Amino acid sequence: MLTGVSHGALSYFKTPLTDLTGTPAYTSQYFGLCMDIEMKMINCLEAYGYYRGVESSCKDIIDDYSECFTRFKQMARHIEIRKVQRQKKSYIEPPRPDCY
């Protein structure tokens, strides 16, 4: 987790149990698609500090990670493509009822 930032009760009660149970819910380090980007983000924030990293130095990496993790742009693009496909009437007309 990021140091110096409050993450609810986990930041106040630091025990080995919170280390084991807290990380799978908040990170993609275990078999995630975004684990490389997340490691770059964490390394950048450790190098520049949280506040300077979020404001300027690591902003691009943080934006890339948030897009990879949430996939908002990908889902919006998918929704727009589906709208266009529905408007094209790309389906085949059904056969006449007396064509048997």
N, C-alpha and C. Protein backbone atom coordinates (compact mmCIF):
# COMPACT_ATOMS: atom_id res chain seq x y z
N MET A 1 0.83 -1.19 0.00
CA MET A 1 0.00 0.00 0.00
C MET A 1 0.87 1.24 0.00
N LEU A 2 0.29 2.35 -0.38
CA LEU A 2 1.03 3.59 -0.43
C LEU A 2 1.26 4.11 0.98
N THR A 3 2.46 4.58 1.26
CA THR A 3 2.77 5.08 2.59
C THR A 3 2.33 6.53 2.71
N GLY A 4 1.92 6.91 3.90
CA GLY A 4 1.55 8.28 4.16
C GLY A 4 0.13 8.62 3.75
N VAL A 5 -0.64 7.65 3.32
CA VAL A 5 -2.00 7.90 2.89
C VAL A 5 -2.92 7.02 3.71
N SER A 6 -4.01 7.57 4.14
CA SER A 6 -4.95 6.82 4.95
C SER A 6 -5.80 5.92 4.06
N HIS A 7 -5.81 4.65 4.34
CA HIS A 7 -6.63 3.68 3.61
C HIS A 7 -7.61 3.02 4.56
N GLY A 8 -8.30 3.79 5.36
CA GLY A 8 -9.26 3.23 6.29
C GLY A 8 -8.58 2.61 7.49
N ALA A 9 -9.19 1.56 8.03
CA ALA A 9 -8.69 0.93 9.25
C ALA A 9 -7.38 0.19 9.02
N LEU A 10 -7.10 -0.20 7.78
CA LEU A 10 -5.87 -0.95 7.52
C LEU A 10 -4.62 -0.14 7.80
N SER A 11 -4.68 1.18 7.60
CA SER A 11 -3.49 1.98 7.84
C SER A 11 -3.28 2.24 9.32
N TYR A 12 -4.31 2.15 10.14
CA TYR A 12 -4.17 2.40 11.57
C TYR A 12 -3.76 1.15 12.33
N PHE A 13 -4.23 0.00 11.90
CA PHE A 13 -3.92 -1.26 12.57
C PHE A 13 -3.03 -2.10 11.67
N LYS A 14 -1.74 -1.92 11.76
CA LYS A 14 -0.78 -2.60 10.88
C LYS A 14 -0.30 -3.86 11.60
N THR A 15 -0.72 -5.01 11.10
CA THR A 15 -0.31 -6.30 11.64
C THR A 15 0.04 -7.21 10.47
N PRO A 16 0.69 -8.34 10.72
CA PRO A 16 0.93 -9.30 9.63
C PRO A 16 -0.36 -9.80 8.99
N LEU A 17 -1.43 -9.87 9.76
CA LEU A 17 -2.71 -10.31 9.20
C LEU A 17 -3.24 -9.31 8.18
N THR A 18 -3.11 -8.01 8.45
CA THR A 18 -3.57 -7.03 7.47
C THR A 18 -2.69 -7.03 6.23
N ASP A 19 -1.41 -7.38 6.38
CA ASP A 19 -0.56 -7.50 5.19
C ASP A 19 -1.00 -8.65 4.30
N LEU A 20 -1.39 -9.76 4.91
CA LEU A 20 -1.80 -10.93 4.12
C LEU A 20 -3.17 -10.77 3.51
N THR A 21 -4.10 -10.18 4.25
CA THR A 21 -5.48 -10.11 3.76
C THR A 21 -5.79 -8.84 3.00
N GLY A 22 -5.00 -7.80 3.16
CA GLY A 22 -5.31 -6.53 2.52
C GLY A 22 -4.87 -6.42 1.08
N THR A 23 -3.79 -7.07 0.72
CA THR A 23 -3.24 -6.86 -0.62
C THR A 23 -4.03 -7.48 -1.75
N PRO A 24 -4.60 -8.68 -1.65
CA PRO A 24 -5.31 -9.20 -2.83
C PRO A 24 -6.52 -8.37 -3.24
N ALA A 25 -7.13 -7.67 -2.30
CA ALA A 25 -8.31 -6.89 -2.64
C ALA A 25 -7.97 -5.59 -3.34
N TYR A 26 -6.78 -5.03 -3.11
CA TYR A 26 -6.46 -3.70 -3.61
C TYR A 26 -5.42 -3.69 -4.72
N THR A 27 -4.80 -4.80 -5.04
CA THR A 27 -3.75 -4.80 -6.05
C THR A 27 -4.03 -5.85 -7.10
N SER A 28 -3.27 -5.80 -8.17
CA SER A 28 -3.37 -6.82 -9.20
C SER A 28 -2.03 -7.56 -9.31
N GLN A 29 -1.34 -7.71 -8.20
CA GLN A 29 -0.02 -8.34 -8.21
C GLN A 29 -0.11 -9.84 -8.42
N TYR A 30 -1.21 -10.45 -8.10
CA TYR A 30 -1.34 -11.89 -8.22
C TYR A 30 -2.07 -12.24 -9.50
N PHE A 31 -1.34 -12.60 -10.54
CA PHE A 31 -1.88 -13.05 -11.82
C PHE A 31 -2.77 -12.01 -12.49
N GLY A 32 -2.50 -10.76 -12.30
CA GLY A 32 -3.31 -9.72 -12.90
C GLY A 32 -2.76 -9.28 -14.24
N LEU A 33 -3.62 -8.71 -15.05
CA LEU A 33 -3.19 -8.19 -16.35
C LEU A 33 -2.39 -6.91 -16.20
N CYS A 34 -2.57 -6.21 -15.10
CA CYS A 34 -1.97 -4.89 -14.92
C CYS A 34 -0.79 -4.91 -13.95
N MET A 35 -0.24 -6.06 -13.65
CA MET A 35 0.77 -6.11 -12.59
C MET A 35 2.06 -5.40 -12.97
N ASP A 36 2.45 -5.39 -14.25
CA ASP A 36 3.66 -4.68 -14.65
C ASP A 36 3.49 -3.17 -14.50
N ILE A 37 2.34 -2.68 -14.93
CA ILE A 37 2.07 -1.25 -14.82
C ILE A 37 1.97 -0.85 -13.35
N GLU A 38 1.37 -1.71 -12.54
CA GLU A 38 1.26 -1.40 -11.11
C GLU A 38 2.62 -1.34 -10.44
N MET A 39 3.53 -2.24 -10.83
CA MET A 39 4.87 -2.19 -10.25
C MET A 39 5.60 -0.92 -10.66
N LYS A 40 5.44 -0.49 -11.92
CA LYS A 40 6.04 0.77 -12.35
C LYS A 40 5.47 1.94 -11.55
N MET A 41 4.14 1.92 -11.31
CA MET A 41 3.51 2.99 -10.55
C MET A 41 4.02 3.02 -9.11
N ILE A 42 4.10 1.85 -8.48
CA ILE A 42 4.56 1.79 -7.09
C ILE A 42 6.02 2.23 -6.99
N ASN A 43 6.85 1.80 -7.92
CA ASN A 43 8.26 2.21 -7.90
C ASN A 43 8.40 3.71 -8.11
N CYS A 44 7.60 4.27 -9.00
CA CYS A 44 7.65 5.71 -9.24
C CYS A 44 7.20 6.48 -8.00
N LEU A 45 6.12 6.03 -7.36
CA LEU A 45 5.65 6.71 -6.16
C LEU A 45 6.64 6.57 -5.01
N GLU A 46 7.34 5.45 -4.93
CA GLU A 46 8.37 5.32 -3.90
C GLU A 46 9.55 6.24 -4.19
N ALA A 47 9.89 6.42 -5.44
CA ALA A 47 11.03 7.26 -5.79
C ALA A 47 10.74 8.75 -5.58
N TYR A 48 9.56 9.22 -5.99
CA TYR A 48 9.25 10.64 -5.94
C TYR A 48 8.44 11.03 -4.72
N GLY A 49 7.92 10.08 -3.98
CA GLY A 49 7.02 10.40 -2.87
C GLY A 49 5.60 10.48 -3.38
N TYR A 50 4.65 10.30 -2.49
CA TYR A 50 3.25 10.21 -2.91
C TYR A 50 2.76 11.52 -3.51
N TYR A 51 2.93 12.63 -2.80
CA TYR A 51 2.32 13.88 -3.24
C TYR A 51 2.95 14.43 -4.52
N ARG A 52 4.26 14.43 -4.63
CA ARG A 52 4.90 14.91 -5.85
C ARG A 52 4.64 13.94 -7.00
N GLY A 53 4.58 12.65 -6.72
CA GLY A 53 4.32 11.67 -7.77
C GLY A 53 2.92 11.78 -8.34
N VAL A 54 1.93 11.96 -7.46
CA VAL A 54 0.54 12.06 -7.92
C VAL A 54 0.33 13.34 -8.70
N GLU A 55 0.94 14.43 -8.26
CA GLU A 55 0.70 15.72 -8.91
C GLU A 55 1.39 15.84 -10.26
N SER A 56 2.63 15.34 -10.40
CA SER A 56 3.32 15.60 -11.65
C SER A 56 4.12 14.42 -12.18
N SER A 57 5.04 13.90 -11.40
CA SER A 57 6.04 12.97 -11.93
C SER A 57 5.46 11.65 -12.41
N CYS A 58 4.53 11.08 -11.69
CA CYS A 58 4.00 9.74 -12.00
C CYS A 58 2.59 9.77 -12.56
N LYS A 59 2.10 10.94 -12.94
CA LYS A 59 0.70 11.06 -13.36
C LYS A 59 0.37 10.18 -14.56
N ASP A 60 1.26 10.10 -15.54
CA ASP A 60 1.00 9.29 -16.73
C ASP A 60 0.90 7.80 -16.39
N ILE A 61 1.80 7.34 -15.53
CA ILE A 61 1.78 5.92 -15.15
C ILE A 61 0.54 5.62 -14.33
N ILE A 62 0.14 6.54 -13.45
CA ILE A 62 -1.06 6.34 -12.64
C ILE A 62 -2.29 6.30 -13.53
N ASP A 63 -2.35 7.18 -14.53
CA ASP A 63 -3.48 7.17 -15.47
C ASP A 63 -3.53 5.86 -16.27
N ASP A 64 -2.36 5.38 -16.71
CA ASP A 64 -2.31 4.10 -17.42
C ASP A 64 -2.79 2.96 -16.55
N TYR A 65 -2.38 2.95 -15.29
CA TYR A 65 -2.80 1.88 -14.38
C TYR A 65 -4.30 1.95 -14.11
N SER A 66 -4.82 3.14 -13.88
CA SER A 66 -6.26 3.23 -13.61
C SER A 66 -7.07 2.81 -14.82
N GLU A 67 -6.60 3.12 -16.03
CA GLU A 67 -7.31 2.66 -17.23
C GLU A 67 -7.21 1.15 -17.38
N CYS A 68 -6.04 0.58 -17.10
CA CYS A 68 -5.87 -0.87 -17.20
C CYS A 68 -6.74 -1.59 -16.17
N PHE A 69 -6.83 -1.04 -14.96
CA PHE A 69 -7.56 -1.69 -13.88
C PHE A 69 -9.07 -1.56 -14.06
N THR A 70 -9.55 -0.38 -14.46
CA THR A 70 -10.99 -0.16 -14.55
C THR A 70 -11.55 -0.42 -15.93
N ARG A 71 -10.76 -0.20 -16.98
CA ARG A 71 -11.16 -0.40 -18.38
C ARG A 71 -12.38 0.44 -18.78
N PHE A 72 -12.45 1.67 -18.27
CA PHE A 72 -13.57 2.55 -18.61
C PHE A 72 -13.58 2.91 -20.08
N LYS A 73 -12.43 3.27 -20.64
CA LYS A 73 -12.37 3.66 -22.05
C LYS A 73 -12.69 2.48 -22.96
N GLN A 74 -12.21 1.30 -22.61
CA GLN A 74 -12.48 0.13 -23.43
C GLN A 74 -13.96 -0.20 -23.43
N MET A 75 -14.60 -0.11 -22.28
CA MET A 75 -16.03 -0.40 -22.21
C MET A 75 -16.85 0.66 -22.94
N ALA A 76 -16.45 1.93 -22.83
CA ALA A 76 -17.16 2.99 -23.56
C ALA A 76 -17.03 2.79 -25.06
N ARG A 77 -15.85 2.40 -25.53
CA ARG A 77 -15.65 2.12 -26.96
C ARG A 77 -16.51 0.94 -27.39
N HIS A 78 -16.60 -0.08 -26.58
CA HIS A 78 -17.41 -1.26 -26.90
C HIS A 78 -18.89 -0.87 -27.00
N ILE A 79 -19.36 -0.04 -26.09
CA ILE A 79 -20.76 0.38 -26.11
C ILE A 79 -21.05 1.19 -27.37
N GLU A 80 -20.14 2.09 -27.76
CA GLU A 80 -20.35 2.88 -28.97
C GLU A 80 -20.35 2.01 -30.23
N ILE A 81 -19.46 1.02 -30.29
CA ILE A 81 -19.43 0.11 -31.45
C ILE A 81 -20.73 -0.67 -31.54
N ARG A 82 -21.25 -1.13 -30.41
CA ARG A 82 -22.52 -1.87 -30.42
C ARG A 82 -23.67 -0.98 -30.87
N LYS A 83 -23.68 0.30 -30.46
CA LYS A 83 -24.74 1.22 -30.90
C LYS A 83 -24.70 1.39 -32.42
N VAL A 84 -23.51 1.54 -32.98
CA VAL A 84 -23.38 1.71 -34.43
C VAL A 84 -23.81 0.44 -35.15
N GLN A 85 -23.44 -0.71 -34.65
CA GLN A 85 -23.83 -1.97 -35.29
C GLN A 85 -25.34 -2.17 -35.26
N ARG A 86 -25.99 -1.76 -34.18
CA ARG A 86 -27.45 -1.90 -34.10
C ARG A 86 -28.16 -0.95 -35.05
N GLN A 87 -27.56 0.22 -35.28
CA GLN A 87 -28.19 1.18 -36.18
C GLN A 87 -28.03 0.80 -37.64
N LYS A 88 -27.05 -0.03 -37.98
CA LYS A 88 -26.80 -0.41 -39.37
C LYS A 88 -27.82 -1.42 -39.90
N LYS A 89 -28.59 -2.05 -39.06
CA LYS A 89 -29.50 -3.13 -39.45
C LYS A 89 -28.73 -4.21 -40.19
N SER A 90 -27.76 -4.75 -39.55
CA SER A 90 -26.90 -5.74 -40.20
C SER A 90 -27.49 -7.15 -40.09
N TYR A 91 -28.76 -7.26 -39.78
CA TYR A 91 -29.38 -8.57 -39.71
C TYR A 91 -30.05 -8.90 -41.05
N ILE A 92 -30.29 -10.17 -41.28
CA ILE A 92 -30.92 -10.64 -42.51
C ILE A 92 -32.43 -10.63 -42.31
N GLU A 93 -33.11 -10.20 -43.32
CA GLU A 93 -34.57 -10.21 -43.24
C GLU A 93 -35.08 -11.65 -43.14
N PRO A 94 -36.11 -11.89 -42.34
CA PRO A 94 -36.63 -13.26 -42.23
C PRO A 94 -37.34 -13.68 -43.52
N PRO A 95 -37.40 -14.96 -43.78
CA PRO A 95 -38.08 -15.41 -45.00
C PRO A 95 -39.59 -15.13 -44.94
N ARG A 96 -40.20 -15.11 -46.13
CA ARG A 96 -41.65 -14.90 -46.18
C ARG A 96 -42.34 -16.04 -45.48
N PRO A 97 -43.51 -15.81 -44.93
CA PRO A 97 -44.21 -16.88 -44.20
C PRO A 97 -44.65 -18.04 -45.11
N ASP A 98 -44.86 -17.82 -46.41
CA ASP A 98 -45.37 -18.88 -47.27
C ASP A 98 -44.25 -19.54 -48.11
N CYS A 99 -42.99 -19.46 -47.68
CA CYS A 99 -41.91 -19.99 -48.50
C CYS A 99 -41.55 -21.43 -48.15
N TYR A 100 -42.29 -22.13 -47.37
CA TYR A 100 -41.95 -23.49 -47.01
C TYR A 100 -42.11 -24.37 -48.17
